[in-house]
Amino acid sequence: MAEQEIRDFLGKLHDLWRDAAGFSGKPVEDAKWAAFCEEVGFTDEFQMIRPSGNPMGPSMMYKLYSSGDVNGEIMDLVSVDSVRTFADGNAAVATYTQHSKFKFKDMPNDDKAKVTAVLEKTEQGWKCVHLHRATA
């Protein structure tokens, strides 16, 4: 049960992220980004560690996506590769494969990445509290 909930949550996270970050061809909007962050758990304490090793929180992510430097085409969840729950089912670690195709400052990128997600089960459902992304 929990494993399928987590797989569904990760699918939803990517669908919402793709739209909020402008990969859907629509502009990045304050309200849409804020709603996305609230829905998936990207609070001020959330951080994503990038392949460079540098952390990035939701406000930095928003600035990047809304700057016009990123022109997204694809942000897909390719597969959920593992799910492990712990803390009496209230926390989980999942790994997944992501495919992103975009231009950063007009430089084409076609990235496959492996991501580790740390999740927390709340009264509102699963929330993502940390991501670590590595180029595959």
N, C-alpha and C. Protein backbone atom coordinates (compact mmCIF):
# COMPACT_ATOMS: atom_id res chain seq x y z
N MET A 1 0.82 -1.20 0.00
CA MET A 1 0.00 0.00 0.00
C MET A 1 0.86 1.26 0.00
N ALA A 2 1.77 1.38 0.98
CA ALA A 2 2.61 2.57 1.06
C ALA A 2 3.49 2.72 -0.18
N GLU A 3 3.99 1.61 -0.69
CA GLU A 3 4.87 1.71 -1.87
C GLU A 3 4.11 2.30 -3.06
N GLN A 4 2.90 1.87 -3.29
CA GLN A 4 2.13 2.42 -4.41
C GLN A 4 1.78 3.89 -4.17
N GLU A 5 1.48 4.26 -2.94
CA GLU A 5 1.21 5.67 -2.61
C GLU A 5 2.43 6.52 -2.95
N ILE A 6 3.60 6.02 -2.62
CA ILE A 6 4.84 6.76 -2.87
C ILE A 6 5.09 6.86 -4.37
N ARG A 7 4.91 5.78 -5.09
CA ARG A 7 5.07 5.83 -6.55
C ARG A 7 4.10 6.84 -7.17
N ASP A 8 2.86 6.84 -6.70
CA ASP A 8 1.87 7.81 -7.20
C ASP A 8 2.28 9.24 -6.86
N PHE A 9 2.77 9.43 -5.63
CA PHE A 9 3.22 10.77 -5.22
C PHE A 9 4.36 11.27 -6.10
N LEU A 10 5.33 10.42 -6.39
CA LEU A 10 6.46 10.83 -7.22
C LEU A 10 5.99 11.19 -8.64
N GLY A 11 5.02 10.46 -9.15
CA GLY A 11 4.45 10.81 -10.45
C GLY A 11 3.77 12.17 -10.41
N LYS A 12 3.00 12.41 -9.36
CA LYS A 12 2.33 13.70 -9.19
C LYS A 12 3.35 14.82 -9.03
N LEU A 13 4.40 14.58 -8.23
CA LEU A 13 5.45 15.58 -8.03
C LEU A 13 6.02 16.02 -9.37
N HIS A 14 6.32 15.06 -10.23
CA HIS A 14 6.91 15.42 -11.53
C HIS A 14 5.93 16.14 -12.44
N ASP A 15 4.68 15.72 -12.44
CA ASP A 15 3.68 16.41 -13.27
C ASP A 15 3.53 17.86 -12.83
N LEU A 16 3.41 18.07 -11.52
CA LEU A 16 3.25 19.43 -11.00
C LEU A 16 4.51 20.27 -11.20
N TRP A 17 5.68 19.65 -10.99
CA TRP A 17 6.96 20.35 -11.14
C TRP A 17 7.13 20.81 -12.59
N ARG A 18 6.87 19.91 -13.52
CA ARG A 18 7.00 20.24 -14.95
C ARG A 18 6.15 21.47 -15.29
N ASP A 19 4.92 21.49 -14.81
CA ASP A 19 4.04 22.62 -15.10
C ASP A 19 4.46 23.89 -14.38
N ALA A 20 4.80 23.78 -13.09
CA ALA A 20 5.17 24.96 -12.30
C ALA A 20 6.48 25.59 -12.78
N ALA A 21 7.39 24.76 -13.33
CA ALA A 21 8.70 25.25 -13.78
C ALA A 21 8.69 25.73 -15.23
N GLY A 22 7.52 25.69 -15.87
CA GLY A 22 7.42 26.20 -17.23
C GLY A 22 7.80 25.22 -18.31
N PHE A 23 7.95 23.95 -17.97
CA PHE A 23 8.27 22.95 -18.98
C PHE A 23 7.06 22.63 -19.85
N SER A 24 5.90 23.10 -19.45
CA SER A 24 4.66 22.87 -20.20
C SER A 24 4.48 23.91 -21.30
N GLY A 25 5.43 24.83 -21.43
CA GLY A 25 5.33 25.88 -22.43
C GLY A 25 4.62 27.12 -21.91
N LYS A 26 4.15 27.06 -20.67
CA LYS A 26 3.49 28.20 -20.05
C LYS A 26 4.50 28.94 -19.18
N PRO A 27 4.29 30.23 -18.97
CA PRO A 27 5.24 30.98 -18.14
C PRO A 27 5.20 30.53 -16.69
N VAL A 28 6.31 30.74 -16.00
CA VAL A 28 6.41 30.45 -14.58
C VAL A 28 5.66 31.56 -13.83
N GLU A 29 4.75 31.15 -12.95
CA GLU A 29 3.94 32.11 -12.21
C GLU A 29 4.14 31.94 -10.71
N ASP A 30 4.15 33.07 -9.99
CA ASP A 30 4.33 33.03 -8.54
C ASP A 30 3.34 32.10 -7.87
N ALA A 31 2.05 32.28 -8.16
CA ALA A 31 1.00 31.51 -7.48
C ALA A 31 1.11 30.02 -7.79
N LYS A 32 1.41 29.69 -9.04
CA LYS A 32 1.52 28.28 -9.42
C LYS A 32 2.72 27.64 -8.74
N TRP A 33 3.85 28.35 -8.67
CA TRP A 33 5.03 27.82 -8.00
C TRP A 33 4.76 27.62 -6.51
N ALA A 34 4.12 28.59 -5.87
CA ALA A 34 3.81 28.49 -4.44
C ALA A 34 2.88 27.32 -4.17
N ALA A 35 1.88 27.13 -5.01
CA ALA A 35 0.94 26.01 -4.83
C ALA A 35 1.66 24.66 -5.01
N PHE A 36 2.55 24.59 -5.99
CA PHE A 36 3.34 23.38 -6.21
C PHE A 36 4.18 23.07 -4.97
N CYS A 37 4.90 24.07 -4.46
CA CYS A 37 5.76 23.85 -3.30
C CYS A 37 4.96 23.38 -2.10
N GLU A 38 3.80 23.97 -1.87
CA GLU A 38 2.96 23.56 -0.75
C GLU A 38 2.46 22.13 -0.93
N GLU A 39 2.04 21.81 -2.14
CA GLU A 39 1.48 20.48 -2.42
C GLU A 39 2.49 19.36 -2.20
N VAL A 40 3.74 19.59 -2.62
CA VAL A 40 4.73 18.50 -2.57
C VAL A 40 5.69 18.57 -1.38
N GLY A 41 5.63 19.66 -0.60
CA GLY A 41 6.46 19.75 0.60
C GLY A 41 7.76 20.51 0.44
N PHE A 42 7.89 21.30 -0.63
CA PHE A 42 9.10 22.09 -0.82
C PHE A 42 9.02 23.33 0.08
N THR A 43 9.31 23.16 1.37
CA THR A 43 9.28 24.25 2.33
C THR A 43 10.60 25.00 2.27
N ASP A 44 10.74 26.02 3.12
CA ASP A 44 12.01 26.76 3.18
C ASP A 44 13.16 25.86 3.61
N GLU A 45 12.86 24.79 4.35
CA GLU A 45 13.91 23.87 4.81
C GLU A 45 14.31 22.85 3.74
N PHE A 46 13.48 22.69 2.71
CA PHE A 46 13.76 21.73 1.64
C PHE A 46 15.02 22.15 0.89
N GLN A 47 15.83 21.15 0.50
CA GLN A 47 16.97 21.40 -0.38
C GLN A 47 17.10 20.25 -1.36
N MET A 48 17.49 20.62 -2.56
CA MET A 48 17.88 19.63 -3.56
C MET A 48 19.39 19.79 -3.77
N ILE A 49 20.11 18.70 -3.63
CA ILE A 49 21.54 18.73 -3.91
C ILE A 49 21.72 18.42 -5.39
N ARG A 50 22.37 19.33 -6.08
CA ARG A 50 22.57 19.18 -7.53
C ARG A 50 23.82 18.34 -7.82
N PRO A 51 23.98 17.89 -9.07
CA PRO A 51 25.16 17.09 -9.41
C PRO A 51 26.48 17.78 -9.06
N SER A 52 26.48 19.12 -9.04
CA SER A 52 27.70 19.86 -8.67
C SER A 52 28.00 19.75 -7.18
N GLY A 53 27.03 19.27 -6.41
CA GLY A 53 27.17 19.21 -4.97
C GLY A 53 26.59 20.41 -4.26
N ASN A 54 26.16 21.40 -5.02
CA ASN A 54 25.60 22.62 -4.45
C ASN A 54 24.12 22.44 -4.14
N PRO A 55 23.68 22.92 -2.97
CA PRO A 55 22.27 22.83 -2.62
C PRO A 55 21.46 23.94 -3.28
N MET A 56 20.18 23.65 -3.48
CA MET A 56 19.28 24.65 -4.03
C MET A 56 17.92 24.47 -3.37
N GLY A 57 17.40 25.53 -2.77
CA GLY A 57 16.09 25.50 -2.14
C GLY A 57 15.02 26.01 -3.09
N PRO A 58 13.77 26.00 -2.65
CA PRO A 58 12.65 26.39 -3.52
C PRO A 58 12.75 27.82 -4.07
N SER A 59 13.21 28.77 -3.25
CA SER A 59 13.27 30.15 -3.76
C SER A 59 14.35 30.28 -4.84
N MET A 60 15.46 29.61 -4.67
CA MET A 60 16.51 29.63 -5.70
C MET A 60 16.03 28.92 -6.97
N MET A 61 15.29 27.82 -6.79
CA MET A 61 14.74 27.11 -7.94
C MET A 61 13.78 28.02 -8.72
N TYR A 62 12.92 28.72 -8.00
CA TYR A 62 11.97 29.63 -8.63
C TYR A 62 12.70 30.71 -9.43
N LYS A 63 13.73 31.31 -8.82
CA LYS A 63 14.50 32.36 -9.51
C LYS A 63 15.12 31.81 -10.80
N LEU A 64 15.62 30.60 -10.74
CA LEU A 64 16.22 29.98 -11.92
C LEU A 64 15.19 29.77 -13.02
N TYR A 65 14.05 29.14 -12.65
CA TYR A 65 13.03 28.84 -13.66
C TYR A 65 12.36 30.09 -14.21
N SER A 66 12.21 31.12 -13.40
CA SER A 66 11.52 32.33 -13.86
C SER A 66 12.46 33.34 -14.52
N SER A 67 13.76 33.07 -14.51
CA SER A 67 14.74 34.02 -15.06
C SER A 67 14.73 34.11 -16.58
N GLY A 68 14.18 33.09 -17.23
CA GLY A 68 14.26 33.03 -18.69
C GLY A 68 15.49 32.31 -19.17
N ASP A 69 16.40 31.95 -18.25
CA ASP A 69 17.62 31.23 -18.63
C ASP A 69 17.35 29.76 -18.94
N VAL A 70 16.26 29.22 -18.38
CA VAL A 70 15.90 27.81 -18.58
C VAL A 70 14.68 27.75 -19.48
N ASN A 71 14.83 27.07 -20.61
CA ASN A 71 13.71 26.83 -21.51
C ASN A 71 13.50 25.33 -21.58
N GLY A 72 12.51 24.87 -20.81
CA GLY A 72 12.28 23.45 -20.65
C GLY A 72 11.42 22.84 -21.73
N GLU A 73 11.78 21.62 -22.09
CA GLU A 73 11.03 20.86 -23.08
C GLU A 73 10.46 19.59 -22.46
N ILE A 74 11.30 18.83 -21.76
CA ILE A 74 10.89 17.55 -21.17
C ILE A 74 11.37 17.50 -19.73
N MET A 75 10.49 17.05 -18.83
CA MET A 75 10.88 16.69 -17.47
C MET A 75 10.00 15.49 -17.10
N ASP A 76 10.52 14.31 -17.32
CA ASP A 76 9.74 13.09 -17.15
C ASP A 76 10.31 12.19 -16.07
N LEU A 77 9.41 11.56 -15.36
CA LEU A 77 9.77 10.49 -14.44
C LEU A 77 9.83 9.22 -15.27
N VAL A 78 11.03 8.69 -15.45
CA VAL A 78 11.22 7.50 -16.28
C VAL A 78 10.84 6.24 -15.52
N SER A 79 11.33 6.13 -14.28
CA SER A 79 11.03 4.94 -13.48
C SER A 79 11.27 5.23 -12.01
N VAL A 80 10.50 4.57 -11.16
CA VAL A 80 10.78 4.55 -9.73
C VAL A 80 11.54 3.25 -9.50
N ASP A 81 12.77 3.38 -9.06
CA ASP A 81 13.68 2.23 -9.00
C ASP A 81 13.69 1.51 -7.66
N SER A 82 13.42 2.23 -6.58
CA SER A 82 13.35 1.58 -5.27
C SER A 82 12.54 2.44 -4.32
N VAL A 83 11.90 1.78 -3.37
CA VAL A 83 11.14 2.45 -2.32
C VAL A 83 11.39 1.70 -1.02
N ARG A 84 11.76 2.42 0.02
CA ARG A 84 11.97 1.81 1.34
C ARG A 84 11.31 2.69 2.38
N THR A 85 10.36 2.14 3.10
CA THR A 85 9.72 2.89 4.17
C THR A 85 10.38 2.54 5.50
N PHE A 86 10.29 3.46 6.45
CA PHE A 86 10.82 3.24 7.79
C PHE A 86 10.08 4.17 8.75
N ALA A 87 10.49 4.21 10.00
CA ALA A 87 9.84 5.03 11.03
C ALA A 87 8.35 4.70 11.11
N ASP A 88 8.07 3.41 11.22
CA ASP A 88 6.69 2.93 11.30
C ASP A 88 5.83 3.37 10.12
N GLY A 89 6.45 3.47 8.95
CA GLY A 89 5.71 3.83 7.73
C GLY A 89 5.49 5.32 7.55
N ASN A 90 6.11 6.15 8.38
CA ASN A 90 5.92 7.59 8.30
C ASN A 90 7.01 8.31 7.52
N ALA A 91 8.00 7.57 7.05
CA ALA A 91 9.09 8.15 6.27
C ALA A 91 9.51 7.13 5.21
N ALA A 92 10.12 7.64 4.16
CA ALA A 92 10.56 6.75 3.08
C ALA A 92 11.73 7.37 2.34
N VAL A 93 12.49 6.50 1.72
CA VAL A 93 13.54 6.89 0.78
C VAL A 93 13.21 6.18 -0.52
N ALA A 94 13.18 6.94 -1.60
CA ALA A 94 12.91 6.36 -2.91
C ALA A 94 13.99 6.82 -3.88
N THR A 95 14.33 5.96 -4.82
CA THR A 95 15.22 6.36 -5.90
C THR A 95 14.45 6.27 -7.20
N TYR A 96 14.75 7.19 -8.10
CA TYR A 96 14.07 7.17 -9.39
C TYR A 96 14.97 7.75 -10.48
N THR A 97 14.56 7.50 -11.70
CA THR A 97 15.27 7.99 -12.88
C THR A 97 14.42 9.08 -13.52
N GLN A 98 15.07 10.17 -13.87
CA GLN A 98 14.41 11.33 -14.46
C GLN A 98 15.08 11.67 -15.79
N HIS A 99 14.28 12.10 -16.75
CA HIS A 99 14.81 12.58 -18.03
C HIS A 99 14.37 14.02 -18.20
N SER A 100 15.33 14.90 -18.43
CA SER A 100 15.05 16.32 -18.65
C SER A 100 15.74 16.77 -19.93
N LYS A 101 15.01 17.52 -20.71
CA LYS A 101 15.58 18.12 -21.92
C LYS A 101 15.22 19.60 -21.88
N PHE A 102 16.25 20.44 -21.94
CA PHE A 102 16.04 21.88 -21.81
C PHE A 102 17.24 22.63 -22.37
N LYS A 103 17.07 23.93 -22.50
CA LYS A 103 18.19 24.80 -22.83
C LYS A 103 18.45 25.69 -21.63
N PHE A 104 19.71 25.76 -21.25
CA PHE A 104 20.14 26.68 -20.20
C PHE A 104 21.03 27.72 -20.84
N LYS A 105 20.57 28.95 -20.84
CA LYS A 105 21.28 30.05 -21.53
C LYS A 105 21.61 29.64 -22.96
N ASP A 106 20.61 29.08 -23.63
CA ASP A 106 20.67 28.65 -25.03
C ASP A 106 21.60 27.46 -25.29
N MET A 107 22.13 26.84 -24.23
CA MET A 107 22.95 25.64 -24.38
C MET A 107 22.06 24.41 -24.17
N PRO A 108 21.95 23.53 -25.19
CA PRO A 108 21.09 22.36 -25.06
C PRO A 108 21.59 21.37 -23.99
N ASN A 109 20.65 20.83 -23.24
CA ASN A 109 20.91 19.79 -22.25
C ASN A 109 19.90 18.67 -22.45
N ASP A 110 20.36 17.46 -22.47
CA ASP A 110 19.50 16.29 -22.56
C ASP A 110 20.00 15.33 -21.49
N ASP A 111 19.42 15.45 -20.29
CA ASP A 111 19.96 14.80 -19.10
C ASP A 111 19.12 13.62 -18.63
N LYS A 112 19.79 12.54 -18.33
CA LYS A 112 19.19 11.47 -17.55
C LYS A 112 19.84 11.56 -16.18
N ALA A 113 19.02 11.51 -15.15
CA ALA A 113 19.54 11.65 -13.79
C ALA A 113 18.94 10.59 -12.89
N LYS A 114 19.71 10.23 -11.88
CA LYS A 114 19.23 9.37 -10.80
C LYS A 114 18.98 10.30 -9.61
N VAL A 115 17.84 10.11 -8.97
CA VAL A 115 17.45 10.98 -7.87
C VAL A 115 17.11 10.13 -6.65
N THR A 116 17.56 10.60 -5.50
CA THR A 116 17.15 10.03 -4.22
C THR A 116 16.23 11.03 -3.57
N ALA A 117 15.04 10.57 -3.18
CA ALA A 117 14.05 11.42 -2.53
C ALA A 117 13.82 10.93 -1.10
N VAL A 118 13.85 11.86 -0.16
CA VAL A 118 13.51 11.57 1.22
C VAL A 118 12.10 12.13 1.43
N LEU A 119 11.19 11.27 1.87
CA LEU A 119 9.78 11.63 1.98
C LEU A 119 9.28 11.47 3.40
N GLU A 120 8.28 12.29 3.74
CA GLU A 120 7.65 12.22 5.04
C GLU A 120 6.14 12.11 4.85
N LYS A 121 5.53 11.20 5.60
CA LYS A 121 4.08 11.06 5.54
C LYS A 121 3.45 12.04 6.53
N THR A 122 2.55 12.88 6.03
CA THR A 122 1.87 13.86 6.87
C THR A 122 0.37 13.60 6.82
N GLU A 123 -0.38 14.38 7.55
CA GLU A 123 -1.84 14.26 7.50
C GLU A 123 -2.38 14.56 6.11
N GLN A 124 -1.65 15.38 5.35
CA GLN A 124 -2.05 15.73 3.98
C GLN A 124 -1.51 14.75 2.93
N GLY A 125 -0.78 13.74 3.36
CA GLY A 125 -0.20 12.77 2.43
C GLY A 125 1.31 12.88 2.43
N TRP A 126 1.95 12.25 1.45
CA TRP A 126 3.41 12.24 1.36
C TRP A 126 3.91 13.61 0.92
N LYS A 127 5.05 14.02 1.51
CA LYS A 127 5.73 15.27 1.18
C LYS A 127 7.20 14.97 0.97
N CYS A 128 7.82 15.71 0.07
CA CYS A 128 9.24 15.54 -0.23
C CYS A 128 10.04 16.52 0.62
N VAL A 129 10.94 16.01 1.45
CA VAL A 129 11.71 16.89 2.33
C VAL A 129 13.15 17.09 1.86
N HIS A 130 13.60 16.27 0.91
CA HIS A 130 14.99 16.39 0.42
C HIS A 130 15.14 15.61 -0.87
N LEU A 131 15.89 16.16 -1.81
CA LEU A 131 16.24 15.46 -3.06
C LEU A 131 17.75 15.54 -3.26
N HIS A 132 18.30 14.49 -3.83
CA HIS A 132 19.71 14.48 -4.24
C HIS A 132 19.75 13.97 -5.66
N ARG A 133 20.22 14.79 -6.57
CA ARG A 133 20.20 14.48 -8.00
C ARG A 133 21.61 14.25 -8.51
N ALA A 134 21.81 13.16 -9.22
CA ALA A 134 23.12 12.84 -9.80
C ALA A 134 22.94 12.52 -11.28
N THR A 135 23.83 13.01 -12.10
CA THR A 135 23.77 12.71 -13.52
C THR A 135 24.03 11.24 -13.74
N ALA A 136 23.15 10.62 -14.53
CA ALA A 136 23.25 9.17 -14.78
C ALA A 136 24.20 8.88 -15.92
